[in-house]
Amino acid sequence: MTPDFVIGFGRQAIELTLMMALPMLGVGLTVGVVVSIIQAATQIQEMTLSFIPKIVCMFIALLLALPWIMDQILAFTRGVLVNIPQYVR
């Protein structure tokens, strides 16, 4: 294992992690902005009003994105396990 391989492997793992988190973070950001605009327009400053919709929408996004996330994890894991003999050399 060379340092370049380890850095590349770590980079690939971090990229995969960020890609898996992207759907939930995007939905959370979008819902948060929409709720904040509604709160500013109506002057309602309730903390739970911004927290609960984000959690619910992020959970729904997780349920919808779960098959894709599992495919990505399985592909990455399969690639790691298949290439173990090459990594050991």
PDB file of N, CA and C in Angstrom:
ATOM      1  N   MET A   1       0.832  -1.177   0.000  1.00  0.00           N
ATOM      2  CA  MET A   1       0.000   0.000   0.000  1.00  0.00           C
ATOM      3  C   MET A   1       0.876   1.240   0.000  1.00  0.00           C
ATOM      4  N   THR A   2       0.653   2.052  -0.973  1.00  0.00           N
ATOM      5  CA  THR A   2       1.403   3.302  -1.056  1.00  0.00           C
ATOM      6  C   THR A   2       0.591   4.416  -0.402  1.00  0.00           C
ATOM      7  N   PRO A   3       1.254   5.493  -0.053  1.00  0.00           N
ATOM      8  CA  PRO A   3       0.515   6.629   0.510  1.00  0.00           C
ATOM      9  C   PRO A   3      -0.531   7.182  -0.464  1.00  0.00           C
ATOM     10  N   ASP A   4      -0.223   7.144  -1.765  1.00  0.00           N
ATOM     11  CA  ASP A   4      -1.197   7.623  -2.748  1.00  0.00           C
ATOM     12  C   ASP A   4      -2.457   6.768  -2.746  1.00  0.00           C
ATOM     13  N   PHE A   5      -2.274   5.449  -2.593  1.00  0.00           N
ATOM     14  CA  PHE A   5      -3.432   4.558  -2.544  1.00  0.00           C
ATOM     15  C   PHE A   5      -4.289   4.848  -1.325  1.00  0.00           C
ATOM     16  N   VAL A   6      -3.663   5.028  -0.172  1.00  0.00           N
ATOM     17  CA  VAL A   6      -4.400   5.275   1.063  1.00  0.00           C
ATOM     18  C   VAL A   6      -5.159   6.592   0.970  1.00  0.00           C
ATOM     19  N   ILE A   7      -4.519   7.613   0.427  1.00  0.00           N
ATOM     20  CA  ILE A   7      -5.178   8.911   0.266  1.00  0.00           C
ATOM     21  C   ILE A   7      -6.354   8.798  -0.708  1.00  0.00           C
ATOM     22  N   GLY A   8      -6.152   8.085  -1.804  1.00  0.00           N
ATOM     23  CA  GLY A   8      -7.234   7.894  -2.780  1.00  0.00           C
ATOM     24  C   GLY A   8      -8.389   7.103  -2.202  1.00  0.00           C
ATOM     25  N   PHE A   9      -8.067   6.067  -1.439  1.00  0.00           N
ATOM     26  CA  PHE A   9      -9.102   5.254  -0.813  1.00  0.00           C
ATOM     27  C   PHE A   9      -9.897   6.078   0.198  1.00  0.00           C
ATOM     28  N   GLY A  10      -9.206   6.855   1.000  1.00  0.00           N
ATOM     29  CA  GLY A  10      -9.880   7.727   1.967  1.00  0.00           C
ATOM     30  C   GLY A  10     -10.733   8.780   1.289  1.00  0.00           C
ATOM     31  N   ARG A  11     -10.223   9.327   0.199  1.00  0.00           N
ATOM     32  CA  ARG A  11     -10.979  10.329  -0.557  1.00  0.00           C
ATOM     33  C   ARG A  11     -12.254   9.721  -1.122  1.00  0.00           C
ATOM     34  N   GLN A  12     -12.145   8.516  -1.642  1.00  0.00           N
ATOM     35  CA  GLN A  12     -13.318   7.842  -2.200  1.00  0.00           C
ATOM     36  C   GLN A  12     -14.360   7.581  -1.101  1.00  0.00           C
ATOM     37  N   ALA A  13     -13.918   7.184   0.072  1.00  0.00           N
ATOM     38  CA  ALA A  13     -14.837   6.936   1.179  1.00  0.00           C
ATOM     39  C   ALA A  13     -15.520   8.222   1.642  1.00  0.00           C
ATOM     40  N   ILE A  14     -14.773   9.314   1.707  1.00  0.00           N
ATOM     41  CA  ILE A  14     -15.357  10.592   2.118  1.00  0.00           C
ATOM     42  C   ILE A  14     -16.344  11.094   1.077  1.00  0.00           C
ATOM     43  N   GLU A  15     -16.008  10.951  -0.214  1.00  0.00           N
ATOM     44  CA  GLU A  15     -16.934  11.359  -1.265  1.00  0.00           C
ATOM     45  C   GLU A  15     -18.230  10.564  -1.198  1.00  0.00           C
ATOM     46  N   LEU A  16     -18.122   9.275  -0.951  1.00  0.00           N
ATOM     47  CA  LEU A  16     -19.307   8.435  -0.835  1.00  0.00           C
ATOM     48  C   LEU A  16     -20.158   8.877   0.350  1.00  0.00           C
ATOM     49  N   THR A  17     -19.523   9.175   1.465  1.00  0.00           N
ATOM     50  CA  THR A  17     -20.256   9.624   2.648  1.00  0.00           C
ATOM     51  C   THR A  17     -20.989  10.929   2.385  1.00  0.00           C
ATOM     52  N   LEU A  18     -20.331  11.859   1.728  1.00  0.00           N
ATOM     53  CA  LEU A  18     -20.977  13.135   1.409  1.00  0.00           C
ATOM     54  C   LEU A  18     -22.123  12.951   0.423  1.00  0.00           C
ATOM     55  N   MET A  19     -21.953  12.089  -0.564  1.00  0.00           N
ATOM     56  CA  MET A  19     -23.031  11.837  -1.522  1.00  0.00           C
ATOM     57  C   MET A  19     -24.235  11.195  -0.848  1.00  0.00           C
ATOM     58  N   MET A  20     -23.989  10.333   0.138  1.00  0.00           N
ATOM     59  CA  MET A  20     -25.102   9.695   0.833  1.00  0.00           C
ATOM     60  C   MET A  20     -25.836  10.685   1.733  1.00  0.00           C
ATOM     61  N   ALA A  21     -25.143  11.671   2.264  1.00  0.00           N
ATOM     62  CA  ALA A  21     -25.769  12.658   3.142  1.00  0.00           C
ATOM     63  C   ALA A  21     -26.454  13.778   2.369  1.00  0.00           C
ATOM     64  N   LEU A  22     -26.101  13.950   1.100  1.00  0.00           N
ATOM     65  CA  LEU A  22     -26.601  15.066   0.311  1.00  0.00           C
ATOM     66  C   LEU A  22     -28.122  15.141   0.217  1.00  0.00           C
ATOM     67  N   PRO A  23     -28.855  14.059  -0.032  1.00  0.00           N
ATOM     68  CA  PRO A  23     -30.317  14.207  -0.131  1.00  0.00           C
ATOM     69  C   PRO A  23     -30.953  14.745   1.150  1.00  0.00           C
ATOM     70  N   MET A  24     -30.537  14.228   2.290  1.00  0.00           N
ATOM     71  CA  MET A  24     -31.127  14.695   3.540  1.00  0.00           C
ATOM     72  C   MET A  24     -30.724  16.136   3.852  1.00  0.00           C
ATOM     73  N   LEU A  25     -29.471  16.475   3.599  1.00  0.00           N
ATOM     74  CA  LEU A  25     -29.031  17.843   3.857  1.00  0.00           C
ATOM     75  C   LEU A  25     -29.716  18.840   2.934  1.00  0.00           C
ATOM     76  N   GLY A  26     -29.885  18.462   1.670  1.00  0.00           N
ATOM     77  CA  GLY A  26     -30.566  19.344   0.716  1.00  0.00           C
ATOM     78  C   GLY A  26     -32.016  19.588   1.098  1.00  0.00           C
ATOM     79  N   VAL A  27     -32.704  18.520   1.482  1.00  0.00           N
ATOM     80  CA  VAL A  27     -34.103  18.664   1.900  1.00  0.00           C
ATOM     81  C   VAL A  27     -34.191  19.500   3.171  1.00  0.00           C
ATOM     82  N   GLY A  28     -33.305  19.250   4.120  1.00  0.00           N
ATOM     83  CA  GLY A  28     -33.302  20.028   5.357  1.00  0.00           C
ATOM     84  C   GLY A  28     -33.055  21.503   5.112  1.00  0.00           C
ATOM     85  N   LEU A  29     -32.133  21.797   4.210  1.00  0.00           N
ATOM     86  CA  LEU A  29     -31.843  23.189   3.871  1.00  0.00           C
ATOM     87  C   LEU A  29     -33.041  23.854   3.213  1.00  0.00           C
ATOM     88  N   THR A  30     -33.636  23.173   2.254  1.00  0.00           N
ATOM     89  CA  THR A  30     -34.773  23.742   1.529  1.00  0.00           C
ATOM     90  C   THR A  30     -35.954  23.979   2.459  1.00  0.00           C
ATOM     91  N   VAL A  31     -36.291  22.990   3.257  1.00  0.00           N
ATOM     92  CA  VAL A  31     -37.421  23.136   4.180  1.00  0.00           C
ATOM     93  C   VAL A  31     -37.126  24.218   5.211  1.00  0.00           C
ATOM     94  N   GLY A  32     -35.897  24.287   5.690  1.00  0.00           N
ATOM     95  CA  GLY A  32     -35.531  25.317   6.655  1.00  0.00           C
ATOM     96  C   GLY A  32     -35.681  26.723   6.100  1.00  0.00           C
ATOM     97  N   VAL A  33     -35.273  26.915   4.847  1.00  0.00           N
ATOM     98  CA  VAL A  33     -35.404  28.237   4.226  1.00  0.00           C
ATOM     99  C   VAL A  33     -36.875  28.594   4.029  1.00  0.00           C
ATOM    100  N   VAL A  34     -37.664  27.628   3.559  1.00  0.00           N
ATOM    101  CA  VAL A  34     -39.092  27.887   3.342  1.00  0.00           C
ATOM    102  C   VAL A  34     -39.787  28.221   4.660  1.00  0.00           C
ATOM    103  N   VAL A  35     -39.510  27.454   5.698  1.00  0.00           N
ATOM    104  CA  VAL A  35     -40.130  27.717   7.002  1.00  0.00           C
ATOM    105  C   VAL A  35     -39.662  29.054   7.552  1.00  0.00           C
ATOM    106  N   SER A  36     -38.416  29.399   7.361  1.00  0.00           N
ATOM    107  CA  SER A  36     -37.911  30.696   7.839  1.00  0.00           C
ATOM    108  C   SER A  36     -38.580  31.852   7.124  1.00  0.00           C
ATOM    109  N   ILE A  37     -38.800  31.703   5.826  1.00  0.00           N
ATOM    110  CA  ILE A  37     -39.503  32.760   5.075  1.00  0.00           C
ATOM    111  C   ILE A  37     -40.931  32.900   5.581  1.00  0.00           C
ATOM    112  N   ILE A  38     -41.594  31.772   5.819  1.00  0.00           N
ATOM    113  CA  ILE A  38     -42.962  31.822   6.348  1.00  0.00           C
ATOM    114  C   ILE A  38     -42.976  32.450   7.735  1.00  0.00           C
ATOM    115  N   GLN A  39     -42.004  32.105   8.569  1.00  0.00           N
ATOM    116  CA  GLN A  39     -41.936  32.691   9.914  1.00  0.00           C
ATOM    117  C   GLN A  39     -41.681  34.201   9.840  1.00  0.00           C
ATOM    118  N   ALA A  40     -40.821  34.613   8.925  1.00  0.00           N
ATOM    119  CA  ALA A  40     -40.541  36.047   8.799  1.00  0.00           C
ATOM    120  C   ALA A  40     -41.762  36.798   8.285  1.00  0.00           C
ATOM    121  N   ALA A  41     -42.512  36.187   7.377  1.00  0.00           N
ATOM    122  CA  ALA A  41     -43.683  36.852   6.815  1.00  0.00           C
ATOM    123  C   ALA A  41     -44.813  36.950   7.837  1.00  0.00           C
ATOM    124  N   THR A  42     -44.963  35.939   8.671  1.00  0.00           N
ATOM    125  CA  THR A  42     -46.055  35.936   9.646  1.00  0.00           C
ATOM    126  C   THR A  42     -45.620  36.406  11.028  1.00  0.00           C
ATOM    127  N   GLN A  43     -44.348  36.625  11.232  1.00  0.00           N
ATOM    128  CA  GLN A  43     -43.764  37.052  12.503  1.00  0.00           C
ATOM    129  C   GLN A  43     -44.044  36.063  13.638  1.00  0.00           C
ATOM    130  N   ILE A  44     -44.102  34.788  13.297  1.00  0.00           N
ATOM    131  CA  ILE A  44     -44.231  33.729  14.306  1.00  0.00           C
ATOM    132  C   ILE A  44     -42.819  33.216  14.577  1.00  0.00           C
ATOM    133  N   GLN A  45     -42.367  33.330  15.796  1.00  0.00           N
ATOM    134  CA  GLN A  45     -41.011  32.934  16.148  1.00  0.00           C
ATOM    135  C   GLN A  45     -41.023  31.734  17.093  1.00  0.00           C
ATOM    136  N   GLU A  46     -41.668  30.667  16.692  1.00  0.00           N
ATOM    137  CA  GLU A  46     -41.733  29.451  17.491  1.00  0.00           C
ATOM    138  C   GLU A  46     -40.613  28.516  17.054  1.00  0.00           C
ATOM    139  N   MET A  47     -39.813  28.019  17.998  1.00  0.00           N
ATOM    140  CA  MET A  47     -38.676  27.166  17.670  1.00  0.00           C
ATOM    141  C   MET A  47     -39.116  25.823  17.100  1.00  0.00           C
ATOM    142  N   THR A  48     -40.159  25.231  17.659  1.00  0.00           N
ATOM    143  CA  THR A  48     -40.590  23.918  17.173  1.00  0.00           C
ATOM    144  C   THR A  48     -41.162  23.996  15.774  1.00  0.00           C
ATOM    145  N   LEU A  49     -41.637  25.165  15.378  1.00  0.00           N
ATOM    146  CA  LEU A  49     -42.200  25.327  14.034  1.00  0.00           C
ATOM    147  C   LEU A  49     -41.126  25.144  12.965  1.00  0.00           C
ATOM    148  N   SER A  50     -39.896  25.478  13.269  1.00  0.00           N
ATOM    149  CA  SER A  50     -38.829  25.282  12.285  1.00  0.00           C
ATOM    150  C   SER A  50     -38.168  23.904  12.420  1.00  0.00           C
ATOM    151  N   PHE A  51     -38.233  23.326  13.597  1.00  0.00           N
ATOM    152  CA  PHE A  51     -37.529  22.065  13.848  1.00  0.00           C
ATOM    153  C   PHE A  51     -38.320  20.852  13.370  1.00  0.00           C
ATOM    154  N   ILE A  52     -39.575  20.773  13.690  1.00  0.00           N
ATOM    155  CA  ILE A  52     -40.397  19.602  13.385  1.00  0.00           C
ATOM    156  C   ILE A  52     -40.538  19.366  11.886  1.00  0.00           C
ATOM    157  N   PRO A  53     -40.857  20.365  11.057  1.00  0.00           N
ATOM    158  CA  PRO A  53     -40.967  20.093   9.613  1.00  0.00           C
ATOM    159  C   PRO A  53     -39.660  19.613   8.992  1.00  0.00           C
ATOM    160  N   LYS A  54     -38.527  20.150   9.459  1.00  0.00           N
ATOM    161  CA  LYS A  54     -37.238  19.699   8.933  1.00  0.00           C
ATOM    162  C   LYS A  54     -36.986  18.242   9.258  1.00  0.00           C
ATOM    163  N   ILE A  55     -37.256  17.841  10.483  1.00  0.00           N
ATOM    164  CA  ILE A  55     -37.033  16.451  10.887  1.00  0.00           C
ATOM    165  C   ILE A  55     -37.934  15.518  10.094  1.00  0.00           C
ATOM    166  N   VAL A  56     -39.198  15.868   9.948  1.00  0.00           N
ATOM    167  CA  VAL A  56     -40.139  15.013   9.218  1.00  0.00           C
ATOM    168  C   VAL A  56     -39.728  14.902   7.750  1.00  0.00           C
ATOM    169  N   CYS A  57     -39.399  16.016   7.118  1.00  0.00           N
ATOM    170  CA  CYS A  57     -39.017  15.987   5.705  1.00  0.00           C
ATOM    171  C   CYS A  57     -37.696  15.258   5.491  1.00  0.00           C
ATOM    172  N   MET A  58     -36.756  15.405   6.404  1.00  0.00           N
ATOM    173  CA  MET A  58     -35.491  14.688   6.277  1.00  0.00           C
ATOM    174  C   MET A  58     -35.692  13.189   6.447  1.00  0.00           C
ATOM    175  N   PHE A  59     -36.610  12.794   7.320  1.00  0.00           N
ATOM    176  CA  PHE A  59     -36.910  11.372   7.489  1.00  0.00           C
ATOM    177  C   PHE A  59     -37.555  10.808   6.220  1.00  0.00           C
ATOM    178  N   ILE A  60     -38.464  11.569   5.614  1.00  0.00           N
ATOM    179  CA  ILE A  60     -39.086  11.135   4.360  1.00  0.00           C
ATOM    180  C   ILE A  60     -38.037  11.040   3.251  1.00  0.00           C
ATOM    181  N   ALA A  61     -37.132  12.010   3.194  1.00  0.00           N
ATOM    182  CA  ALA A  61     -36.061  11.956   2.190  1.00  0.00           C
ATOM    183  C   ALA A  61     -35.162  10.751   2.413  1.00  0.00           C
ATOM    184  N   LEU A  62     -34.897  10.414   3.665  1.00  0.00           N
ATOM    185  CA  LEU A  62     -34.098   9.230   3.970  1.00  0.00           C
ATOM    186  C   LEU A  62     -34.803   7.966   3.491  1.00  0.00           C
ATOM    187  N   LEU A  63     -36.087   7.871   3.737  1.00  0.00           N
ATOM    188  CA  LEU A  63     -36.841   6.698   3.277  1.00  0.00           C
ATOM    189  C   LEU A  63     -36.832   6.581   1.757  1.00  0.00           C
ATOM    190  N   LEU A  64     -36.958   7.715   1.073  1.00  0.00           N
ATOM    191  CA  LEU A  64     -36.968   7.688  -0.389  1.00  0.00           C
ATOM    192  C   LEU A  64     -35.589   7.400  -0.973  1.00  0.00           C
ATOM    193  N   ALA A  65     -34.547   7.885  -0.317  1.00  0.00           N
ATOM    194  CA  ALA A  65     -33.190   7.720  -0.832  1.00  0.00           C
ATOM    195  C   ALA A  65     -32.517   6.447  -0.345  1.00  0.00           C
ATOM    196  N   LEU A  66     -33.144   5.730   0.576  1.00  0.00           N
ATOM    197  CA  LEU A  66     -32.517   4.560   1.172  1.00  0.00           C
ATOM    198  C   LEU A  66     -32.118   3.482   0.159  1.00  0.00           C
ATOM    199  N   PRO A  67     -32.939   3.145  -0.836  1.00  0.00           N
ATOM    200  CA  PRO A  67     -32.483   2.139  -1.807  1.00  0.00           C
ATOM    201  C   PRO A  67     -31.221   2.565  -2.554  1.00  0.00           C
ATOM    202  N   TRP A  68     -31.159   3.827  -2.955  1.00  0.00           N
ATOM    203  CA  TRP A  68     -29.970   4.335  -3.645  1.00  0.00           C
ATOM    204  C   TRP A  68     -28.757   4.323  -2.718  1.00  0.00           C
ATOM    205  N   ILE A  69     -28.953   4.733  -1.477  1.00  0.00           N
ATOM    206  CA  ILE A  69     -27.854   4.740  -0.509  1.00  0.00           C
ATOM    207  C   ILE A  69     -27.331   3.331  -0.287  1.00  0.00           C
ATOM    208  N   MET A  70     -28.229   2.364  -0.144  1.00  0.00           N
ATOM    209  CA  MET A  70     -27.803   0.989   0.069  1.00  0.00           C
ATOM    210  C   MET A  70     -27.055   0.445  -1.144  1.00  0.00           C
ATOM    211  N   ASP A  71     -27.500   0.794  -2.362  1.00  0.00           N
ATOM    212  CA  ASP A  71     -26.778   0.376  -3.567  1.00  0.00           C
ATOM    213  C   ASP A  71     -25.355   0.925  -3.575  1.00  0.00           C
ATOM    214  N   GLN A  72     -25.218   2.195  -3.184  1.00  0.00           N
ATOM    215  CA  GLN A  72     -23.891   2.814  -3.155  1.00  0.00           C
ATOM    216  C   GLN A  72     -22.992   2.147  -2.118  1.00  0.00           C
ATOM    217  N   ILE A  73     -23.530   1.888  -0.944  1.00  0.00           N
ATOM    218  CA  ILE A  73     -22.746   1.242   0.111  1.00  0.00           C
ATOM    219  C   ILE A  73     -22.331  -0.163  -0.304  1.00  0.00           C
ATOM    220  N   LEU A  74     -23.276  -0.905  -0.882  1.00  0.00           N
ATOM    221  CA  LEU A  74     -22.966  -2.269  -1.303  1.00  0.00           C
ATOM    222  C   LEU A  74     -21.918  -2.291  -2.411  1.00  0.00           C
ATOM    223  N   ALA A  75     -22.017  -1.372  -3.363  1.00  0.00           N
ATOM    224  CA  ALA A  75     -21.033  -1.313  -4.445  1.00  0.00           C
ATOM    225  C   ALA A  75     -19.643  -0.992  -3.887  1.00  0.00           C
ATOM    226  N   PHE A  76     -19.569  -0.047  -2.970  1.00  0.00           N
ATOM    227  CA  PHE A  76     -18.282   0.313  -2.373  1.00  0.00           C
ATOM    228  C   PHE A  76     -17.704  -0.858  -1.578  1.00  0.00           C
ATOM    229  N   THR A  77     -18.545  -1.475  -0.756  1.00  0.00           N
ATOM    230  CA  THR A  77     -18.083  -2.598   0.060  1.00  0.00           C
ATOM    231  C   THR A  77     -17.660  -3.774  -0.808  1.00  0.00           C
ATOM    232  N   ARG A  78     -18.439  -4.057  -1.841  1.00  0.00           N
ATOM    233  CA  ARG A  78     -18.096  -5.143  -2.756  1.00  0.00           C
ATOM    234  C   ARG A  78     -16.741  -4.868  -3.421  1.00  0.00           C
ATOM    235  N   GLY A  79     -16.523  -3.630  -3.836  1.00  0.00           N
ATOM    236  CA  GLY A  79     -15.245  -3.270  -4.445  1.00  0.00           C
ATOM    237  C   GLY A  79     -14.081  -3.435  -3.480  1.00  0.00           C
ATOM    238  N   VAL A  80     -14.297  -3.086  -2.222  1.00  0.00           N
ATOM    239  CA  VAL A  80     -13.237  -3.242  -1.221  1.00  0.00           C
ATOM    240  C   VAL A  80     -12.934  -4.715  -0.989  1.00  0.00           C
ATOM    241  N   LEU A  81     -13.980  -5.512  -0.809  1.00  0.00           N
ATOM    242  CA  LEU A  81     -13.773  -6.928  -0.511  1.00  0.00           C
ATOM    243  C   LEU A  81     -13.163  -7.684  -1.694  1.00  0.00           C
ATOM    244  N   VAL A  82     -13.570  -7.349  -2.903  1.00  0.00           N
ATOM    245  CA  VAL A  82     -13.014  -8.033  -4.079  1.00  0.00           C
ATOM    246  C   VAL A  82     -11.533  -7.693  -4.269  1.00  0.00           C
ATOM    247  N   ASN A  83     -11.153  -6.489  -3.925  1.00  0.00           N
ATOM    248  CA  ASN A  83      -9.789  -6.034  -4.171  1.00  0.00           C
ATOM    249  C   ASN A  83      -8.855  -6.192  -2.980  1.00  0.00           C
ATOM    250  N   ILE A  84      -9.266  -6.888  -1.935  1.00  0.00           N
ATOM    251  CA  ILE A  84      -8.407  -7.088  -0.761  1.00  0.00           C
ATOM    252  C   ILE A  84      -7.062  -7.726  -1.146  1.00  0.00           C
ATOM    253  N   PRO A  85      -7.028  -8.755  -2.012  1.00  0.00           N
ATOM    254  CA  PRO A  85      -5.718  -9.314  -2.358  1.00  0.00           C
ATOM    255  C   PRO A  85      -4.767  -8.285  -2.991  1.00  0.00           C
ATOM    256  N   GLN A  86      -5.313  -7.368  -3.760  1.00  0.00           N
ATOM    257  CA  GLN A  86      -4.466  -6.334  -4.363  1.00  0.00           C
ATOM    258  C   GLN A  86      -4.009  -5.319  -3.323  1.00  0.00           C
ATOM    259  N   TYR A  87      -4.838  -5.064  -2.318  1.00  0.00           N
ATOM    260  CA  TYR A  87      -4.484  -4.100  -1.277  1.00  0.00           C
ATOM    261  C   TYR A  87      -3.362  -4.630  -0.386  1.00  0.00           C
ATOM    262  N   VAL A  88      -3.337  -5.933  -0.158  1.00  0.00           N
ATOM    263  CA  VAL A  88      -2.375  -6.540   0.761  1.00  0.00           C
ATOM    264  C   VAL A  88      -0.969  -6.534   0.174  1.00  0.00           C
ATOM    265  N   ARG A  89      -0.873  -6.665  -1.145  1.00  0.00           N
ATOM    266  CA  ARG A  89       0.444  -6.737  -1.774  1.00  0.00           C
ATOM    267  C   ARG A  89       1.308  -5.587  -1.475  1.00  0.00           C
TER     268      ARG A  89
END
